[in-house]
PDB file of N, CA and C in Angstrom:
ATOM      1  N   UNK A   1      11.258  42.359 -13.324  1.00  0.00           N
ATOM      2  CA  UNK A   1      12.554  42.881 -13.952  1.00  0.00           C
ATOM      3  C   UNK A   1      12.795  41.585 -15.070  1.00  0.00           C
ATOM      4  N   UNK A   2      12.737  42.184 -16.386  1.00  0.00           N
ATOM      5  CA  UNK A   2      13.284  41.293 -17.668  1.00  0.00           C
ATOM      6  C   UNK A   2      12.022  40.973 -18.290  1.00  0.00           C
ATOM      7  N   UNK A   3      10.626  41.310 -17.636  1.00  0.00           N
ATOM      8  CA  UNK A   3       9.497  40.841 -18.384  1.00  0.00           C
ATOM      9  C   UNK A   3       9.228  42.068 -19.226  1.00  0.00           C
ATOM     10  N   UNK A   4       8.669  42.143 -20.349  1.00  0.00           N
ATOM     11  CA  UNK A   4       7.908  43.301 -20.997  1.00  0.00           C
ATOM     12  C   UNK A   4       6.690  43.009 -21.208  1.00  0.00           C
ATOM     13  N   UNK A   5       5.955  44.327 -20.712  1.00  0.00           N
ATOM     14  CA  UNK A   5       4.563  44.666 -20.453  1.00  0.00           C
ATOM     15  C   UNK A   5       4.160  44.823 -22.107  1.00  0.00           C
ATOM     16  N   UNK A   6       2.585  44.954 -22.164  1.00  0.00           N
ATOM     17  CA  UNK A   6       2.112  45.695 -23.340  1.00  0.00           C
ATOM     18  C   UNK A   6       2.561  46.959 -23.388  1.00  0.00           C
ATOM     19  N   UNK A   7       2.800  47.793 -22.221  1.00  0.00           N
ATOM     20  CA  UNK A   7       3.003  49.153 -22.122  1.00  0.00           C
ATOM     21  C   UNK A   7       4.639  49.680 -22.704  1.00  0.00           C
ATOM     22  N   UNK A   8       5.345  48.185 -22.150  1.00  0.00           N
ATOM     23  CA  UNK A   8       6.836  48.710 -22.895  1.00  0.00           C
ATOM     24  C   UNK A   8       6.571  48.642 -24.253  1.00  0.00           C
ATOM     25  N   UNK A   9       6.151  47.714 -24.976  1.00  0.00           N
ATOM     26  CA  UNK A   9       6.121  47.334 -26.508  1.00  0.00           C
ATOM     27  C   UNK A   9       5.251  48.519 -27.074  1.00  0.00           C
ATOM     28  N   UNK A  10       4.239  49.139 -26.418  1.00  0.00           N
ATOM     29  CA  UNK A  10       3.716  50.416 -26.918  1.00  0.00           C
ATOM     30  C   UNK A  10       4.609  51.683 -26.889  1.00  0.00           C
ATOM     31  N   UNK A  11       5.327  51.726 -26.201  1.00  0.00           N
ATOM     32  CA  UNK A  11       6.413  52.761 -25.812  1.00  0.00           C
ATOM     33  C   UNK A  11       7.200  52.750 -27.019  1.00  0.00           C
ATOM     34  N   UNK A  12       7.848  51.505 -27.156  1.00  0.00           N
ATOM     35  CA  UNK A  12       9.042  51.310 -28.149  1.00  0.00           C
ATOM     36  C   UNK A  12       8.349  51.786 -29.532  1.00  0.00           C
ATOM     37  N   UNK A  13       7.103  51.234 -29.768  1.00  0.00           N
ATOM     38  CA  UNK A  13       6.517  51.607 -31.172  1.00  0.00           C
ATOM     39  C   UNK A  13       6.417  52.874 -31.268  1.00  0.00           C
ATOM     40  N   UNK A  14       5.822  53.544 -30.055  1.00  0.00           N
ATOM     41  CA  UNK A  14       5.738  55.130 -30.293  1.00  0.00           C
ATOM     42  C   UNK A  14       6.858  55.706 -30.767  1.00  0.00           C
ATOM     43  N   UNK A  15       7.870  55.407 -29.811  1.00  0.00           N
ATOM     44  CA  UNK A  15       9.424  55.972 -30.092  1.00  0.00           C
ATOM     45  C   UNK A  15       9.885  55.597 -31.747  1.00  0.00           C
ATOM     46  N   UNK A  16       9.610  54.791 -31.879  1.00  0.00           N
ATOM     47  CA  UNK A  16      10.063  53.945 -33.415  1.00  0.00           C
ATOM     48  C   UNK A  16       9.228  54.940 -34.506  1.00  0.00           C
ATOM     49  N   UNK A  17       7.846  54.968 -34.104  1.00  0.00           N
ATOM     50  CA  UNK A  17       7.157  55.857 -35.067  1.00  0.00           C
ATOM     51  C   UNK A  17       7.809  57.588 -35.081  1.00  0.00           C
ATOM     52  N   UNK A  18       7.990  57.984 -34.071  1.00  0.00           N
ATOM     53  CA  UNK A  18       8.605  59.154 -34.067  1.00  0.00           C
ATOM     54  C   UNK A  18      10.005  59.431 -34.711  1.00  0.00           C
ATOM     55  N   UNK A  19      10.872  58.486 -34.695  1.00  0.00           N
ATOM     56  CA  UNK A  19      12.014  58.308 -35.413  1.00  0.00           C
ATOM     57  C   UNK A  19      12.113  57.956 -36.945  1.00  0.00           C
ATOM     58  N   UNK A  20      11.272  57.257 -37.242  1.00  0.00           N
ATOM     59  CA  UNK A  20      11.091  56.839 -38.701  1.00  0.00           C
ATOM     60  C   UNK A  20      10.067  57.254 -39.423  1.00  0.00           C
ATOM     61  N   UNK A  21       8.814  57.514 -38.887  1.00  0.00           N
ATOM     62  CA  UNK A  21       7.581  58.358 -39.421  1.00  0.00           C
ATOM     63  C   UNK A  21       6.919  57.216 -39.994  1.00  0.00           C
ATOM     64  N   UNK A  22       5.845  57.079 -40.271  1.00  0.00           N
ATOM     65  CA  UNK A  22       4.863  56.190 -40.991  1.00  0.00           C
ATOM     66  C   UNK A  22       5.024  55.931 -42.375  1.00  0.00           C
ATOM     67  N   UNK A  23       5.751  56.494 -43.211  1.00  0.00           N
ATOM     68  CA  UNK A  23       5.828  55.913 -44.465  1.00  0.00           C
ATOM     69  C   UNK A  23       7.082  54.924 -44.311  1.00  0.00           C
ATOM     70  N   UNK A  24       8.125  54.985 -43.326  1.00  0.00           N
ATOM     71  CA  UNK A  24       9.067  54.277 -43.645  1.00  0.00           C
ATOM     72  C   UNK A  24       8.377  52.790 -43.013  1.00  0.00           C
ATOM     73  N   UNK A  25       7.424  52.742 -41.937  1.00  0.00           N
ATOM     74  CA  UNK A  25       6.737  51.670 -41.421  1.00  0.00           C
ATOM     75  C   UNK A  25       5.549  50.994 -42.677  1.00  0.00           C
ATOM     76  N   UNK A  26       5.377  51.796 -43.380  1.00  0.00           N
ATOM     77  CA  UNK A  26       4.272  51.442 -44.540  1.00  0.00           C
ATOM     78  C   UNK A  26       5.394  50.733 -45.556  1.00  0.00           C
ATOM     79  N   UNK A  27       6.504  51.154 -45.932  1.00  0.00           N
ATOM     80  CA  UNK A  27       7.224  50.752 -46.902  1.00  0.00           C
ATOM     81  C   UNK A  27       7.660  49.315 -46.273  1.00  0.00           C
ATOM     82  N   UNK A  28       8.056  49.168 -45.213  1.00  0.00           N
ATOM     83  CA  UNK A  28       8.454  47.943 -44.717  1.00  0.00           C
ATOM     84  C   UNK A  28       7.166  47.177 -44.265  1.00  0.00           C
ATOM     85  N   UNK A  29       6.081  47.479 -44.179  1.00  0.00           N
ATOM     86  CA  UNK A  29       4.972  46.569 -44.200  1.00  0.00           C
ATOM     87  C   UNK A  29       4.551  45.968 -45.655  1.00  0.00           C
ATOM     88  N   UNK A  30       4.815  46.798 -46.675  1.00  0.00           N
ATOM     89  CA  UNK A  30       4.635  46.264 -47.826  1.00  0.00           C
ATOM     90  C   UNK A  30       5.442  45.411 -48.464  1.00  0.00           C
ATOM     91  N   UNK A  31       6.676  45.682 -48.077  1.00  0.00           N
ATOM     92  CA  UNK A  31       7.865  44.753 -48.205  1.00  0.00           C
ATOM     93  C   UNK A  31       7.671  43.478 -47.613  1.00  0.00           C
ATOM     94  N   UNK A  32       7.127  43.327 -46.498  1.00  0.00           N
ATOM     95  CA  UNK A  32       7.069  42.201 -45.868  1.00  0.00           C
ATOM     96  C   UNK A  32       6.160  41.439 -46.103  1.00  0.00           C
ATOM     97  N   UNK A  33       4.965  41.925 -46.622  1.00  0.00           N
ATOM     98  CA  UNK A  33       3.675  41.340 -47.223  1.00  0.00           C
ATOM     99  C   UNK A  33       4.168  40.812 -48.722  1.00  0.00           C
ATOM    100  N   UNK A  34       5.089  41.443 -49.465  1.00  0.00           N
ATOM    101  CA  UNK A  34       5.422  41.147 -50.905  1.00  0.00           C
ATOM    102  C   UNK A  34       6.154  39.851 -50.430  1.00  0.00           C
ATOM    103  N   UNK A  35       7.170  40.059 -49.652  1.00  0.00           N
ATOM    104  CA  UNK A  35       8.080  38.923 -49.364  1.00  0.00           C
ATOM    105  C   UNK A  35       7.251  37.467 -49.246  1.00  0.00           C
ATOM    106  N   UNK A  36       6.301  37.480 -47.962  1.00  0.00           N
ATOM    107  CA  UNK A  36       5.519  36.304 -47.767  1.00  0.00           C
ATOM    108  C   UNK A  36       4.939  36.048 -48.882  1.00  0.00           C
ATOM    109  N   UNK A  37       4.053  36.748 -49.900  1.00  0.00           N
ATOM    110  CA  UNK A  37       3.421  36.264 -51.007  1.00  0.00           C
ATOM    111  C   UNK A  37       4.234  35.489 -51.809  1.00  0.00           C
ATOM    112  N   UNK A  38       5.311  36.149 -52.316  1.00  0.00           N
ATOM    113  CA  UNK A  38       6.413  35.292 -53.097  1.00  0.00           C
ATOM    114  C   UNK A  38       6.668  34.189 -52.372  1.00  0.00           C
ATOM    115  N   UNK A  39       7.055  33.894 -51.114  1.00  0.00           N
ATOM    116  CA  UNK A  39       7.533  32.732 -50.815  1.00  0.00           C
ATOM    117  C   UNK A  39       6.021  32.044 -50.506  1.00  0.00           C
ATOM    118  N   UNK A  40       5.020  32.272 -50.400  1.00  0.00           N
ATOM    119  CA  UNK A  40       3.907  31.280 -50.565  1.00  0.00           C
ATOM    120  C   UNK A  40       3.942  30.475 -51.918  1.00  0.00           C
ATOM    121  N   UNK A  41       3.936  31.751 -53.017  1.00  0.00           N
ATOM    122  CA  UNK A  41       3.679  31.324 -54.075  1.00  0.00           C
ATOM    123  C   UNK A  41       4.893  30.324 -54.699  1.00  0.00           C
ATOM    124  N   UNK A  42       6.273  30.749 -54.124  1.00  0.00           N
ATOM    125  CA  UNK A  42       7.180  29.711 -54.673  1.00  0.00           C
ATOM    126  C   UNK A  42       7.193  28.014 -54.024  1.00  0.00           C
ATOM    127  N   UNK A  43       6.271  28.460 -52.887  1.00  0.00           N
ATOM    128  CA  UNK A  43       6.063  27.032 -52.263  1.00  0.00           C
ATOM    129  C   UNK A  43       4.914  26.077 -53.006  1.00  0.00           C
ATOM    130  N   UNK A  44       3.859  26.849 -53.181  1.00  0.00           N
ATOM    131  CA  UNK A  44       3.013  26.123 -54.130  1.00  0.00           C
ATOM    132  C   UNK A  44       3.343  25.712 -55.602  1.00  0.00           C
ATOM    133  N   UNK A  45       4.479  26.531 -55.900  1.00  0.00           N
ATOM    134  CA  UNK A  45       4.862  26.027 -57.495  1.00  0.00           C
ATOM    135  C   UNK A  45       5.320  24.818 -57.731  1.00  0.00           C
ATOM    136  N   UNK A  46       6.152  24.075 -56.990  1.00  0.00           N
ATOM    137  CA  UNK A  46       6.526  22.548 -57.072  1.00  0.00           C
ATOM    138  C   UNK A  46       5.199  21.858 -57.185  1.00  0.00           C
ATOM    139  N   UNK A  47       4.044  22.079 -56.098  1.00  0.00           N
ATOM    140  CA  UNK A  47       2.750  21.226 -56.310  1.00  0.00           C
ATOM    141  C   UNK A  47       2.199  21.388 -57.670  1.00  0.00           C
ATOM    142  N   UNK A  48       1.772  22.847 -58.189  1.00  0.00           N
ATOM    143  CA  UNK A  48       1.175  23.270 -59.296  1.00  0.00           C
ATOM    144  C   UNK A  48       1.844  22.340 -60.433  1.00  0.00           C
ATOM    145  N   UNK A  49       3.227  22.135 -60.404  1.00  0.00           N
ATOM    146  CA  UNK A  49       3.887  21.502 -61.766  1.00  0.00           C
ATOM    147  C   UNK A  49       3.635  19.985 -61.738  1.00  0.00           C
ATOM    148  N   UNK A  50       3.789  19.607 -60.345  1.00  0.00           N
ATOM    149  CA  UNK A  50       3.185  18.076 -60.510  1.00  0.00           C
ATOM    150  C   UNK A  50       1.617  17.740 -60.758  1.00  0.00           C
ATOM    151  N   UNK A  51       0.678  18.721 -60.402  1.00  0.00           N
ATOM    152  CA  UNK A  51      -0.544  18.464 -61.069  1.00  0.00           C
ATOM    153  C   UNK A  51      -0.613  18.549 -62.619  1.00  0.00           C
ATOM    154  N   UNK A  52       0.042  19.443 -63.195  1.00  0.00           N
ATOM    155  CA  UNK A  52       0.048  19.940 -64.494  1.00  0.00           C
ATOM    156  C   UNK A  52       0.696  18.730 -65.350  1.00  0.00           C
ATOM    157  N   UNK A  53       1.938  18.349 -64.780  1.00  0.00           N
ATOM    158  CA  UNK A  53       2.175  17.631 -65.707  1.00  0.00           C
ATOM    159  C   UNK A  53       1.896  16.014 -65.980  1.00  0.00           C
ATOM    160  N   UNK A  54       1.475  15.708 -67.308  1.00  0.00           N
ATOM    161  CA  UNK A  54       0.377  14.396 -67.268  1.00  0.00           C
ATOM    162  C   UNK A  54       1.167  13.460 -67.025  1.00  0.00           C
ATOM    163  N   UNK A  55       0.367  12.244 -66.493  1.00  0.00           N
ATOM    164  CA  UNK A  55       1.215  11.158 -65.843  1.00  0.00           C
ATOM    165  C   UNK A  55       1.514  10.238 -67.232  1.00  0.00           C
ATOM    166  N   UNK A  56       2.753   9.660 -67.209  1.00  0.00           N
ATOM    167  CA  UNK A  56       3.171   8.853 -68.149  1.00  0.00           C
ATOM    168  C   UNK A  56       2.520   7.380 -67.894  1.00  0.00           C
ATOM    169  N   UNK A  57       2.282   6.781 -68.999  1.00  0.00           N
ATOM    170  CA  UNK A  57       1.487   5.673 -69.208  1.00  0.00           C
ATOM    171  C   UNK A  57       2.423   4.743 -69.654  1.00  0.00           C
ATOM    172  N   UNK A  58       2.469   3.619 -68.768  1.00  0.00           N
ATOM    173  CA  UNK A  58       3.291   2.486 -69.289  1.00  0.00           C
ATOM    174  C   UNK A  58       2.645   1.341 -70.602  1.00  0.00           C
ATOM    175  N   UNK A  59       3.549   1.443 -71.360  1.00  0.00           N
ATOM    176  CA  UNK A  59       3.117   0.592 -72.712  1.00  0.00           C
ATOM    177  C   UNK A  59       3.680  -0.788 -73.129  1.00  0.00           C
TER     178      UNK A  59
END
């Protein structure tokens, strides 16, 4: 008791699909994917700015 098997999770997923429909799940998946892509882009942005910035020469 207290442990969830794969069958429990499949049952929960099936009930959620019946309640919300596939269009809601598609929208949630799309939003989650866009959020992850934006997060990765934001994480790379400072590194790209460092590389693009010309090095200052001491004279």
